[in-house]
C-alpha atoms as a PDB file:
ATOM      1  CA  MET A   1      38.497 131.135 -49.016  1.00  0.00           C
ATOM      2  CA  THR A   2      39.548 134.196 -51.011  1.00  0.00           C
ATOM      3  CA  VAL A   3      43.062 134.309 -52.469  1.00  0.00           C
ATOM      4  CA  ALA A   4      44.538 137.735 -53.260  1.00  0.00           C
ATOM      5  CA  TYR A   5      46.767 137.711 -56.323  1.00  0.00           C
ATOM      6  CA  SER A   6      47.695 141.388 -56.467  1.00  0.00           C
ATOM      7  CA  ASN A   7      50.964 141.003 -54.571  1.00  0.00           C
ATOM      8  CA  ILE A   8      52.204 137.796 -56.189  1.00  0.00           C
ATOM      9  CA  PRO A   9      55.513 138.526 -57.992  1.00  0.00           C
ATOM     10  CA  ASP A  10      55.983 137.686 -61.651  1.00  0.00           C
ATOM     11  CA  THR A  11      58.973 135.487 -60.842  1.00  0.00           C
ATOM     12  CA  LEU A  12      59.541 133.031 -58.002  1.00  0.00           C
ATOM     13  CA  PRO A  13      63.157 131.910 -57.389  1.00  0.00           C
ATOM     14  CA  LEU A  14      63.750 128.323 -56.212  1.00  0.00           C
ATOM     15  CA  ASN A  15      67.329 127.603 -55.154  1.00  0.00           C
ATOM     16  CA  LEU A  16      68.253 124.253 -56.689  1.00  0.00           C
ATOM     17  CA  SER A  17      71.994 124.851 -56.769  1.00  0.00           C
ATOM     18  CA  THR A  18      72.670 121.811 -54.553  1.00  0.00           C
ATOM     19  CA  LEU A  19      70.886 119.579 -57.088  1.00  0.00           C
ATOM     20  CA  GLN A  20      73.184 120.700 -59.915  1.00  0.00           C
ATOM     21  CA  LEU A  21      70.695 120.378 -62.750  1.00  0.00           C
ATOM     22  CA  THR A  22      72.430 119.509 -66.001  1.00  0.00           C
ATOM     23  CA  ASP A  23      71.471 121.267 -69.236  1.00  0.00           C
ATOM     24  CA  GLU A  24      69.668 118.123 -70.356  1.00  0.00           C
ATOM     25  CA  GLN A  25      67.752 117.826 -67.067  1.00  0.00           C
ATOM     26  CA  PHE A  26      66.653 121.454 -67.233  1.00  0.00           C
ATOM     27  CA  TYR A  27      65.593 120.979 -70.854  1.00  0.00           C
ATOM     28  CA  HIS A  28      63.451 117.960 -69.972  1.00  0.00           C
ATOM     29  CA  LEU A  29      62.010 119.776 -66.945  1.00  0.00           C
ATOM     30  CA  CYS A  30      60.848 122.567 -69.265  1.00  0.00           C
ATOM     31  CA  ILE A  31      59.465 120.111 -71.829  1.00  0.00           C
ATOM     32  CA  ALA A  32      57.556 118.276 -69.090  1.00  0.00           C
ATOM     33  CA  ASN A  33      55.992 121.564 -67.930  1.00  0.00           C
ATOM     34  CA  PRO A  34      55.163 123.417 -71.155  1.00  0.00           C
ATOM     35  CA  GLU A  35      52.531 125.614 -69.501  1.00  0.00           C
ATOM     36  CA  GLN A  36      54.983 126.880 -66.875  1.00  0.00           C
ATOM     37  CA  PRO A  37      57.765 129.185 -68.152  1.00  0.00           C
ATOM     38  CA  LEU A  38      61.069 128.509 -66.401  1.00  0.00           C
ATOM     39  CA  GLU A  39      64.518 130.084 -66.354  1.00  0.00           C
ATOM     40  CA  LEU A  40      67.772 129.009 -64.703  1.00  0.00           C
ATOM     41  CA  THR A  41      70.418 131.366 -63.338  1.00  0.00           C
ATOM     42  CA  ALA A  42      74.144 130.684 -63.632  1.00  0.00           C
ATOM     43  CA  ALA A  43      74.136 129.934 -59.887  1.00  0.00           C
ATOM     44  CA  GLY A  44      71.556 127.174 -60.329  1.00  0.00           C
ATOM     45  CA  VAL A  45      68.505 129.086 -59.086  1.00  0.00           C
ATOM     46  CA  LEU A  46      65.343 127.989 -60.896  1.00  0.00           C
ATOM     47  CA  ILE A  47      63.093 130.916 -61.783  1.00  0.00           C
ATOM     48  CA  VAL A  48      59.380 130.161 -62.091  1.00  0.00           C
ATOM     49  CA  VAL A  49      57.905 132.836 -64.355  1.00  0.00           C
ATOM     50  CA  SER A  50      54.215 133.591 -64.049  1.00  0.00           C
ATOM     51  CA  PRO A  51      52.030 134.263 -67.119  1.00  0.00           C
ATOM     52  CA  VAL A  52      51.604 137.933 -68.014  1.00  0.00           C
ATOM     53  CA  GLY A  53      48.331 139.844 -68.009  1.00  0.00           C
ATOM     54  CA  GLY A  54      46.465 141.148 -70.999  1.00  0.00           C
ATOM     55  CA  GLU A  55      48.208 144.499 -71.357  1.00  0.00           C
ATOM     56  CA  SER A  56      51.711 143.067 -71.076  1.00  0.00           C
ATOM     57  CA  GLY A  57      50.885 140.225 -73.438  1.00  0.00           C
ATOM     58  CA  ASN A  58      49.564 142.668 -76.019  1.00  0.00           C
ATOM     59  CA  LYS A  59      52.636 144.887 -75.746  1.00  0.00           C
ATOM     60  CA  GLU A  60      54.973 141.901 -76.098  1.00  0.00           C
ATOM     61  CA  LEU A  61      53.212 140.856 -79.284  1.00  0.00           C
ATOM     62  CA  GLU A  62      53.243 144.405 -80.677  1.00  0.00           C
ATOM     63  CA  LEU A  63      57.003 144.656 -80.112  1.00  0.00           C
ATOM     64  CA  GLY A  64      57.690 141.247 -81.598  1.00  0.00           C
ATOM     65  CA  THR A  65      55.506 142.064 -84.598  1.00  0.00           C
ATOM     66  CA  ASP A  66      57.390 145.308 -85.309  1.00  0.00           C
ATOM     67  CA  ILE A  67      60.701 143.458 -85.370  1.00  0.00           C
ATOM     68  CA  THR A  68      59.278 140.580 -87.409  1.00  0.00           C
ATOM     69  CA  ILE A  69      57.935 142.964 -90.071  1.00  0.00           C
ATOM     70  CA  TRP A  70      61.350 144.640 -90.351  1.00  0.00           C
ATOM     71  CA  ASN A  71      63.131 141.278 -90.430  1.00  0.00           C
ATOM     72  CA  ARG A  72      60.951 139.859 -93.194  1.00  0.00           C
ATOM     73  CA  THR A  73      62.196 142.621 -95.450  1.00  0.00           C
ATOM     74  CA  ALA A  74      65.790 142.750 -94.186  1.00  0.00           C
ATOM     75  CA  GLU A  75      66.202 138.940 -93.978  1.00  0.00           C
ATOM     76  CA  LEU A  76      69.157 139.428 -91.665  1.00  0.00           C
ATOM     77  CA  GLY A  77      68.279 137.142 -88.785  1.00  0.00           C
ATOM     78  CA  LYS A  78      65.696 135.223 -86.800  1.00  0.00           C
ATOM     79  CA  VAL A  79      63.111 136.645 -84.372  1.00  0.00           C
ATOM     80  CA  PHE A  80      62.090 134.725 -81.235  1.00  0.00           C
ATOM     81  CA  SER A  81      59.174 134.955 -78.826  1.00  0.00           C
ATOM     82  CA  SER A  82      59.248 134.897 -75.027  1.00  0.00           C
ATOM     83  CA  SER A  83      58.790 131.107 -75.096  1.00  0.00           C
ATOM     84  CA  THR A  84      62.351 130.630 -76.390  1.00  0.00           C
ATOM     85  CA  ILE A  85      65.051 129.818 -73.851  1.00  0.00           C
ATOM     86  CA  PHE A  86      68.675 130.654 -74.691  1.00  0.00           C
ATOM     87  CA  LYS A  87      71.651 128.937 -73.065  1.00  0.00           C
ATOM     88  CA  LEU A  88      73.886 131.934 -72.416  1.00  0.00           C
ATOM     89  CA  PRO A  89      77.695 131.606 -72.473  1.00  0.00           C
ATOM     90  CA  LEU A  90      78.145 132.299 -68.745  1.00  0.00           C
ATOM     91  CA  GLY A  91      75.789 129.507 -67.691  1.00  0.00           C
ATOM     92  CA  SER A  92      72.299 130.930 -67.234  1.00  0.00           C
ATOM     93  CA  GLN A  93      69.306 129.943 -69.361  1.00  0.00           C
ATOM     94  CA  ARG A  94      66.981 132.864 -70.063  1.00  0.00           C
ATOM     95  CA  SER A  95      63.920 133.705 -72.154  1.00  0.00           C
ATOM     96  CA  PRO A  96      63.707 137.393 -73.172  1.00  0.00           C
ATOM     97  CA  ASP A  97      60.307 138.813 -74.088  1.00  0.00           C
ATOM     98  CA  VAL A  98      61.612 139.403 -77.627  1.00  0.00           C
ATOM     99  CA  ALA A  99      64.929 138.281 -79.113  1.00  0.00           C
ATOM    100  CA  TRP A 100      66.752 138.491 -82.442  1.00  0.00           C
ATOM    101  CA  VAL A 101      69.798 136.537 -83.634  1.00  0.00           C
ATOM    102  CA  GLU A 102      71.916 137.503 -86.651  1.00  0.00           C
ATOM    103  CA  LEU A 103      71.487 134.968 -89.463  1.00  0.00           C
ATOM    104  CA  SER A 104      75.077 133.734 -89.804  1.00  0.00           C
ATOM    105  CA  ARG A 105      75.244 132.985 -86.078  1.00  0.00           C
ATOM    106  CA  TRP A 106      71.955 131.105 -86.240  1.00  0.00           C
ATOM    107  CA  ASN A 107      73.033 129.127 -89.304  1.00  0.00           C
ATOM    108  CA  ALA A 108      76.262 128.133 -87.540  1.00  0.00           C
ATOM    109  CA  LEU A 109      74.287 126.143 -84.964  1.00  0.00           C
ATOM    110  CA  THR A 110      73.674 122.448 -85.412  1.00  0.00           C
ATOM    111  CA  GLU A 111      70.168 121.229 -86.148  1.00  0.00           C
ATOM    112  CA  GLU A 112      69.949 119.779 -82.620  1.00  0.00           C
ATOM    113  CA  ASN A 113      70.978 123.098 -81.065  1.00  0.00           C
ATOM    114  CA  ARG A 114      68.273 124.884 -83.040  1.00  0.00           C
ATOM    115  CA  GLN A 115      65.641 122.348 -81.991  1.00  0.00           C
ATOM    116  CA  LYS A 116      66.537 122.629 -78.287  1.00  0.00           C
ATOM    117  CA  PHE A 117      67.622 125.730 -76.351  1.00  0.00           C
ATOM    118  CA  PRO A 118      70.030 127.661 -78.612  1.00  0.00           C
ATOM    119  CA  PRO A 119      73.484 127.878 -76.964  1.00  0.00           C
ATOM    120  CA  LEU A 120      74.200 131.522 -77.671  1.00  0.00           C
ATOM    121  CA  ALA A 121      73.381 135.049 -76.573  1.00  0.00           C
ATOM    122  CA  PRO A 122      70.947 136.878 -78.872  1.00  0.00           C
ATOM    123  CA  ASP A 123      72.255 139.987 -80.607  1.00  0.00           C
ATOM    124  CA  PHE A 124      69.187 141.984 -79.560  1.00  0.00           C
ATOM    125  CA  ILE A 125      66.649 141.517 -76.775  1.00  0.00           C
ATOM    126  CA  ILE A 126      63.694 143.325 -75.220  1.00  0.00           C
ATOM    127  CA  GLU A 127      62.414 142.905 -71.675  1.00  0.00           C
ATOM    128  CA  LEU A 128      59.068 144.511 -70.887  1.00  0.00           C
ATOM    129  CA  ARG A 129      58.414 145.342 -67.244  1.00  0.00           C
ATOM    130  CA  SER A 130      54.996 144.095 -66.175  1.00  0.00           C
ATOM    131  CA  ARG A 131      52.924 145.439 -63.311  1.00  0.00           C
ATOM    132  CA  THR A 132      54.448 143.298 -60.550  1.00  0.00           C
ATOM    133  CA  ASP A 133      58.048 143.077 -61.801  1.00  0.00           C
ATOM    134  CA  GLU A 134      60.662 144.441 -59.418  1.00  0.00           C
ATOM    135  CA  LEU A 135      62.832 146.905 -61.341  1.00  0.00           C
ATOM    136  CA  PRO A 136      66.188 145.997 -59.678  1.00  0.00           C
ATOM    137  CA  GLU A 137      65.704 142.338 -60.646  1.00  0.00           C
ATOM    138  CA  LEU A 138      65.055 143.252 -64.262  1.00  0.00           C
ATOM    139  CA  GLN A 139      68.034 145.622 -64.304  1.00  0.00           C
ATOM    140  CA  ALA A 140      70.283 142.851 -62.986  1.00  0.00           C
ATOM    141  CA  LYS A 141      68.948 140.568 -65.709  1.00  0.00           C
ATOM    142  CA  MET A 142      69.739 143.180 -68.361  1.00  0.00           C
ATOM    143  CA  VAL A 143      73.312 143.507 -67.082  1.00  0.00           C
ATOM    144  CA  GLU A 144      73.558 139.724 -67.260  1.00  0.00           C
ATOM    145  CA  TYR A 145      72.460 139.792 -70.895  1.00  0.00           C
ATOM    146  CA  ARG A 146      75.076 142.428 -71.677  1.00  0.00           C
ATOM    147  CA  ASP A 147      77.798 140.484 -69.841  1.00  0.00           C
ATOM    148  CA  ASN A 148      76.909 137.438 -71.948  1.00  0.00           C
ATOM    149  CA  GLY A 149      77.399 139.352 -75.184  1.00  0.00           C
ATOM    150  CA  VAL A 150      73.979 140.756 -76.083  1.00  0.00           C
ATOM    151  CA  ARG A 151      74.842 143.729 -78.285  1.00  0.00           C
ATOM    152  CA  LEU A 152      71.674 145.758 -77.653  1.00  0.00           C
ATOM    153  CA  GLY A 153      69.089 145.263 -74.921  1.00  0.00           C
ATOM    154  CA  LEU A 154      66.042 147.382 -74.177  1.00  0.00           C
ATOM    155  CA  LEU A 155      64.302 147.378 -70.811  1.00  0.00           C
ATOM    156  CA  ILE A 156      60.907 148.964 -71.405  1.00  0.00           C
ATOM    157  CA  ASN A 157      59.561 150.308 -68.132  1.00  0.00           C
ATOM    158  CA  SER A 158      55.931 151.241 -68.699  1.00  0.00           C
ATOM    159  CA  GLN A 159      55.316 152.105 -65.043  1.00  0.00           C
ATOM    160  CA  ASP A 160      57.924 154.872 -65.048  1.00  0.00           C
ATOM    161  CA  ARG A 161      57.463 155.644 -68.766  1.00  0.00           C
ATOM    162  CA  GLN A 162      61.095 155.190 -69.665  1.00  0.00           C
ATOM    163  CA  VAL A 163      63.437 152.860 -71.528  1.00  0.00           C
ATOM    164  CA  GLU A 164      66.830 151.677 -70.328  1.00  0.00           C
ATOM    165  CA  ILE A 165      69.244 150.983 -73.179  1.00  0.00           C
ATOM    166  CA  TYR A 166      72.008 148.425 -72.617  1.00  0.00           C
ATOM    167  CA  ARG A 167      74.735 148.365 -75.279  1.00  0.00           C
ATOM    168  CA  LEU A 168      77.747 146.076 -75.271  1.00  0.00           C
ATOM    169  CA  GLY A 169      80.743 147.842 -73.737  1.00  0.00           C
ATOM    170  CA  ARG A 170      78.819 150.991 -72.804  1.00  0.00           C
ATOM    171  CA  GLU A 171      77.089 152.483 -69.778  1.00  0.00           C
ATOM    172  CA  VAL A 172      73.323 152.195 -69.449  1.00  0.00           C
ATOM    173  CA  GLU A 173      71.390 155.003 -71.133  1.00  0.00           C
ATOM    174  CA  ILE A 174      67.986 155.991 -69.705  1.00  0.00           C
ATOM    175  CA  LEU A 175      65.487 157.517 -72.106  1.00  0.00           C
ATOM    176  CA  PRO A 176      62.421 159.056 -70.387  1.00  0.00           C
ATOM    177  CA  ALA A 177      59.182 159.633 -72.308  1.00  0.00           C
ATOM    178  CA  PRO A 178      58.521 161.697 -74.347  1.00  0.00           C
ATOM    179  CA  SER A 179      62.173 162.208 -75.318  1.00  0.00           C
ATOM    180  CA  SER A 180      63.434 160.396 -78.400  1.00  0.00           C
ATOM    181  CA  LEU A 181      66.598 159.290 -80.151  1.00  0.00           C
ATOM    182  CA  VAL A 182      64.915 159.817 -83.517  1.00  0.00           C
ATOM    183  CA  GLU A 183      63.882 163.197 -84.923  1.00  0.00           C
ATOM    184  CA  ASP A 184      60.129 163.864 -85.365  1.00  0.00           C
ATOM    185  CA  LEU A 185      59.063 160.831 -83.305  1.00  0.00           C
ATOM    186  CA  PRO A 186      57.847 161.296 -79.704  1.00  0.00           C
ATOM    187  CA  LEU A 187      59.581 158.199 -78.362  1.00  0.00           C
ATOM    188  CA  ALA A 188      61.674 156.052 -80.671  1.00  0.00           C
ATOM    189  CA  ILE A 189      64.997 154.247 -80.573  1.00  0.00           C
ATOM    190  CA  ASP A 190      67.297 153.841 -83.539  1.00  0.00           C
ATOM    191  CA  CYS A 191      68.499 150.227 -83.387  1.00  0.00           C
ATOM    192  CA  GLY A 192      70.443 150.511 -86.632  1.00  0.00           C
ATOM    193  CA  ASP A 193      73.825 149.626 -85.159  1.00  0.00           C
ATOM    194  CA  VAL A 194      72.513 146.090 -84.520  1.00  0.00           C
ATOM    195  CA  LEU A 195      69.328 145.927 -86.635  1.00  0.00           C
ATOM    196  CA  PRO A 196      70.233 147.939 -89.758  1.00  0.00           C
ATOM    197  CA  GLY A 197      67.511 150.384 -90.725  1.00  0.00           C
ATOM    198  CA  PHE A 198      65.214 149.467 -87.823  1.00  0.00           C
ATOM    199  CA  ILE A 199      63.632 152.193 -85.674  1.00  0.00           C
ATOM    200  CA  LEU A 200      61.540 151.008 -82.748  1.00  0.00           C
ATOM    201  CA  ASN A 201      58.608 153.372 -82.207  1.00  0.00           C
ATOM    202  CA  LEU A 202      57.419 153.075 -78.608  1.00  0.00           C
ATOM    203  CA  ASP A 203      54.554 155.547 -78.854  1.00  0.00           C
ATOM    204  CA  ARG A 204      51.983 152.731 -78.579  1.00  0.00           C
ATOM    205  CA  ILE A 205      53.866 150.991 -75.770  1.00  0.00           C
ATOM    206  CA  LEU A 206      54.535 153.885 -73.386  1.00  0.00           C
END
């Protein structure tokens, strides 16, 4: 038997709202299935996230590396990979592809909260659209991040060669390639209002 994988979505929603998973139960479910990334919506829908392919995995690492290099010099916060799940204020539990939390907010957490799923919204996140991701679902997720207090969120849409910029309290800004928010760079975003001095160059990504 031949199984075709080309049309399998990157996320599979399972409605478990009637089970009313507690935070602790969801945490243990994730720990018991470390090879299977999971998310939980505020409505109790369990999201089974499939592994990404080579290109998406490389781009995720490139983005995370850029922010990590900046952060090692700035020493202003903590950078997190896509394996980190955050308990957002409005009830969902999500794992952005890249996340950054300002240092004083991170230090305010208890040791237990740091060891488990941090109960806060990151200050900055990136979501990278992979080949089979449905754009409306990712856009809804970005709005959710913003509603939970994420100050700056970037949805990088490689298929359409554009970036959607979500800022707290502002309308979504769409930046098509090769336009730029930074002079002399073909496609770059100045993140200085949240990450002081950091410019994200997306030339390699898009």
